[in-house]
Amino acid sequence: MNEVVVAVYRSASAAEAAVEDLKVARVPSATIRQFVSDPAAQEGLLELHNRSIASGDRVVAVTVEDRHASAVMGILDMRGPVCMTDVPLPMGESRAIKNWRFSADPSSK
């Protein structure tokens, strides 16, 4: 089964460093995405909805096999996220990601 590990960072540089750390670690099965948060949206991100997420915060979401989730959390935690969570992903990844309310992936700009 897969899990989604989500970390929220105040700065783009911290989020980008966390993504680079994940790439260097070459965690098997990891799919990494970055978003810019939009807390004004109706739906929140997993259980992070009620946490203090500011507009413009950087979100790193990693879909990974559950056996690698703790390693991913450890790597993301090294860059000091303001909040982090992991949840099982019983549905398909694309469906879960589509339901999150964030503006465009910052790497696509």
C-alpha atoms as a PDB file:
ATOM      1  CA  MET A   1       0.000   0.000   0.000  1.00  0.00           C
ATOM      2  CA  ASN A   2       1.112   3.554  -0.633  1.00  0.00           C
ATOM      3  CA  GLU A   3       1.168   6.527   1.697  1.00  0.00           C
ATOM      4  CA  VAL A   4       1.318  10.241   1.116  1.00  0.00           C
ATOM      5  CA  VAL A   5       3.804  12.165   3.235  1.00  0.00           C
ATOM      6  CA  VAL A   6       3.103  15.894   3.277  1.00  0.00           C
ATOM      7  CA  ALA A   7       5.384  18.612   4.661  1.00  0.00           C
ATOM      8  CA  VAL A   8       4.727  22.351   4.676  1.00  0.00           C
ATOM      9  CA  TYR A   9       7.596  24.832   4.576  1.00  0.00           C
ATOM     10  CA  ARG A  10       7.547  28.620   4.974  1.00  0.00           C
ATOM     11  CA  SER A  11      10.217  29.193   2.317  1.00  0.00           C
ATOM     12  CA  ALA A  12      10.738  27.994  -1.215  1.00  0.00           C
ATOM     13  CA  SER A  13      14.413  27.353  -0.475  1.00  0.00           C
ATOM     14  CA  ALA A  14      13.608  24.938   2.378  1.00  0.00           C
ATOM     15  CA  ALA A  15      11.095  23.051   0.224  1.00  0.00           C
ATOM     16  CA  GLU A  16      13.507  22.862  -2.703  1.00  0.00           C
ATOM     17  CA  ALA A  17      16.302  21.636  -0.425  1.00  0.00           C
ATOM     18  CA  ALA A  18      13.996  18.932   0.966  1.00  0.00           C
ATOM     19  CA  VAL A  19      13.136  17.800  -2.567  1.00  0.00           C
ATOM     20  CA  GLU A  20      16.823  17.681  -3.481  1.00  0.00           C
ATOM     21  CA  ASP A  21      17.536  15.643  -0.334  1.00  0.00           C
ATOM     22  CA  LEU A  22      14.850  13.155  -1.402  1.00  0.00           C
ATOM     23  CA  LYS A  23      16.317  12.907  -4.897  1.00  0.00           C
ATOM     24  CA  VAL A  24      19.799  12.267  -3.493  1.00  0.00           C
ATOM     25  CA  ALA A  25      18.408   9.574  -1.173  1.00  0.00           C
ATOM     26  CA  ARG A  26      16.837   7.788  -4.155  1.00  0.00           C
ATOM     27  CA  VAL A  27      13.962   6.442  -2.114  1.00  0.00           C
ATOM     28  CA  PRO A  28      12.418   3.612  -4.141  1.00  0.00           C
ATOM     29  CA  SER A  29       8.891   4.230  -5.434  1.00  0.00           C
ATOM     30  CA  ALA A  30       8.817   7.896  -4.361  1.00  0.00           C
ATOM     31  CA  THR A  31       6.803  10.365  -6.441  1.00  0.00           C
ATOM     32  CA  ILE A  32       7.570  13.929  -5.350  1.00  0.00           C
ATOM     33  CA  ARG A  33       5.365  16.956  -5.988  1.00  0.00           C
ATOM     34  CA  GLN A  34       5.605  20.586  -4.887  1.00  0.00           C
ATOM     35  CA  PHE A  35       2.745  23.036  -4.494  1.00  0.00           C
ATOM     36  CA  VAL A  36       2.194  26.579  -3.293  1.00  0.00           C
ATOM     37  CA  SER A  37      -0.530  26.565  -0.632  1.00  0.00           C
ATOM     38  CA  ASP A  38      -3.861  28.293  -1.026  1.00  0.00           C
ATOM     39  CA  PRO A  39      -5.555  28.156   2.404  1.00  0.00           C
ATOM     40  CA  ALA A  40      -8.516  30.171   1.088  1.00  0.00           C
ATOM     41  CA  ALA A  41      -9.679  27.085  -0.815  1.00  0.00           C
ATOM     42  CA  GLN A  42     -12.714  25.247   0.533  1.00  0.00           C
ATOM     43  CA  GLU A  43     -10.981  21.895   0.956  1.00  0.00           C
ATOM     44  CA  GLY A  44      -7.884  21.355   3.043  1.00  0.00           C
ATOM     45  CA  LEU A  45      -4.940  19.068   2.608  1.00  0.00           C
ATOM     46  CA  LEU A  46      -5.538  15.853   4.484  1.00  0.00           C
ATOM     47  CA  GLU A  47      -5.504  16.664   8.190  1.00  0.00           C
ATOM     48  CA  LEU A  48      -3.369  19.762   7.736  1.00  0.00           C
ATOM     49  CA  HIS A  49      -6.486  21.829   7.020  1.00  0.00           C
ATOM     50  CA  ASN A  50      -6.788  23.289  10.518  1.00  0.00           C
ATOM     51  CA  ARG A  51      -3.068  23.934  11.004  1.00  0.00           C
ATOM     52  CA  SER A  52      -1.461  27.321  10.484  1.00  0.00           C
ATOM     53  CA  ILE A  53      -0.698  27.206   6.783  1.00  0.00           C
ATOM     54  CA  ALA A  54      -0.129  30.633   5.266  1.00  0.00           C
ATOM     55  CA  SER A  55      -0.781  31.629   1.700  1.00  0.00           C
ATOM     56  CA  GLY A  56       2.373  31.040  -0.285  1.00  0.00           C
ATOM     57  CA  ASP A  57       3.750  28.291   1.964  1.00  0.00           C
ATOM     58  CA  ARG A  58       5.471  25.534   0.009  1.00  0.00           C
ATOM     59  CA  VAL A  59       4.044  22.050   0.240  1.00  0.00           C
ATOM     60  CA  VAL A  60       6.031  18.947  -0.594  1.00  0.00           C
ATOM     61  CA  ALA A  61       3.895  15.835  -1.125  1.00  0.00           C
ATOM     62  CA  VAL A  62       5.569  12.465  -1.550  1.00  0.00           C
ATOM     63  CA  THR A  63       3.685   9.341  -2.541  1.00  0.00           C
ATOM     64  CA  VAL A  64       5.699   6.333  -1.455  1.00  0.00           C
ATOM     65  CA  GLU A  65       5.312   2.698  -0.460  1.00  0.00           C
ATOM     66  CA  ASP A  66       4.387   2.547   3.221  1.00  0.00           C
ATOM     67  CA  ARG A  67       7.614   0.736   4.099  1.00  0.00           C
ATOM     68  CA  HIS A  68       9.597   3.837   3.005  1.00  0.00           C
ATOM     69  CA  ALA A  69       7.323   6.463   4.599  1.00  0.00           C
ATOM     70  CA  SER A  70       9.344   6.840   7.812  1.00  0.00           C
ATOM     71  CA  ALA A  71      12.550   7.384   5.814  1.00  0.00           C
ATOM     72  CA  VAL A  72      10.828  10.070   3.733  1.00  0.00           C
ATOM     73  CA  MET A  73       9.507  11.756   6.890  1.00  0.00           C
ATOM     74  CA  GLY A  74      13.001  11.775   8.372  1.00  0.00           C
ATOM     75  CA  ILE A  75      14.452  13.390   5.254  1.00  0.00           C
ATOM     76  CA  LEU A  76      11.699  16.036   5.065  1.00  0.00           C
ATOM     77  CA  ASP A  77      11.998  16.766   8.789  1.00  0.00           C
ATOM     78  CA  MET A  78      15.661  17.756   8.420  1.00  0.00           C
ATOM     79  CA  ARG A  79      14.579  20.964   6.646  1.00  0.00           C
ATOM     80  CA  GLY A  80      12.277  22.128   9.462  1.00  0.00           C
ATOM     81  CA  PRO A  81       8.721  21.961   8.134  1.00  0.00           C
ATOM     82  CA  VAL A  82       6.046  23.918  10.016  1.00  0.00           C
ATOM     83  CA  CYS A  83       3.869  20.797   9.906  1.00  0.00           C
ATOM     84  CA  MET A  84       4.046  17.314   8.488  1.00  0.00           C
ATOM     85  CA  THR A  85       1.810  14.251   8.248  1.00  0.00           C
ATOM     86  CA  ASP A  86       1.522  10.898   6.528  1.00  0.00           C
ATOM     87  CA  VAL A  87      -1.626   9.014   5.614  1.00  0.00           C
ATOM     88  CA  PRO A  88      -2.413   5.745   3.846  1.00  0.00           C
ATOM     89  CA  LEU A  89      -3.485   6.178   0.265  1.00  0.00           C
ATOM     90  CA  PRO A  90      -6.251   3.664  -0.436  1.00  0.00           C
ATOM     91  CA  MET A  91      -7.321   5.473  -3.605  1.00  0.00           C
ATOM     92  CA  GLY A  92      -5.231   6.174  -6.676  1.00  0.00           C
ATOM     93  CA  GLU A  93      -2.574   8.863  -6.360  1.00  0.00           C
ATOM     94  CA  SER A  94      -3.922  11.043  -9.158  1.00  0.00           C
ATOM     95  CA  ARG A  95      -7.380  11.130  -7.573  1.00  0.00           C
ATOM     96  CA  ALA A  96      -5.967  12.145  -4.179  1.00  0.00           C
ATOM     97  CA  ILE A  97      -3.700  14.841  -5.629  1.00  0.00           C
ATOM     98  CA  LYS A  98      -6.532  16.231  -7.755  1.00  0.00           C
ATOM     99  CA  ASN A  99      -8.674  16.795  -4.660  1.00  0.00           C
ATOM    100  CA  TRP A 100      -6.060  18.989  -2.968  1.00  0.00           C
ATOM    101  CA  ARG A 101      -6.521  22.740  -3.342  1.00  0.00           C
ATOM    102  CA  PHE A 102      -3.243  24.399  -4.210  1.00  0.00           C
ATOM    103  CA  SER A 103      -2.053  26.717  -6.886  1.00  0.00           C
ATOM    104  CA  ALA A 104       0.296  25.550  -9.607  1.00  0.00           C
ATOM    105  CA  ASP A 105       3.411  23.512  -9.045  1.00  0.00           C
ATOM    106  CA  PRO A 106       6.176  26.111  -8.512  1.00  0.00           C
ATOM    107  CA  SER A 107       8.620  24.104 -10.592  1.00  0.00           C
ATOM    108  CA  SER A 108       6.400  24.526 -13.656  1.00  0.00           C
ATOM    109  CA  LYS A 109       6.762  28.318 -13.695  1.00  0.00           C
END
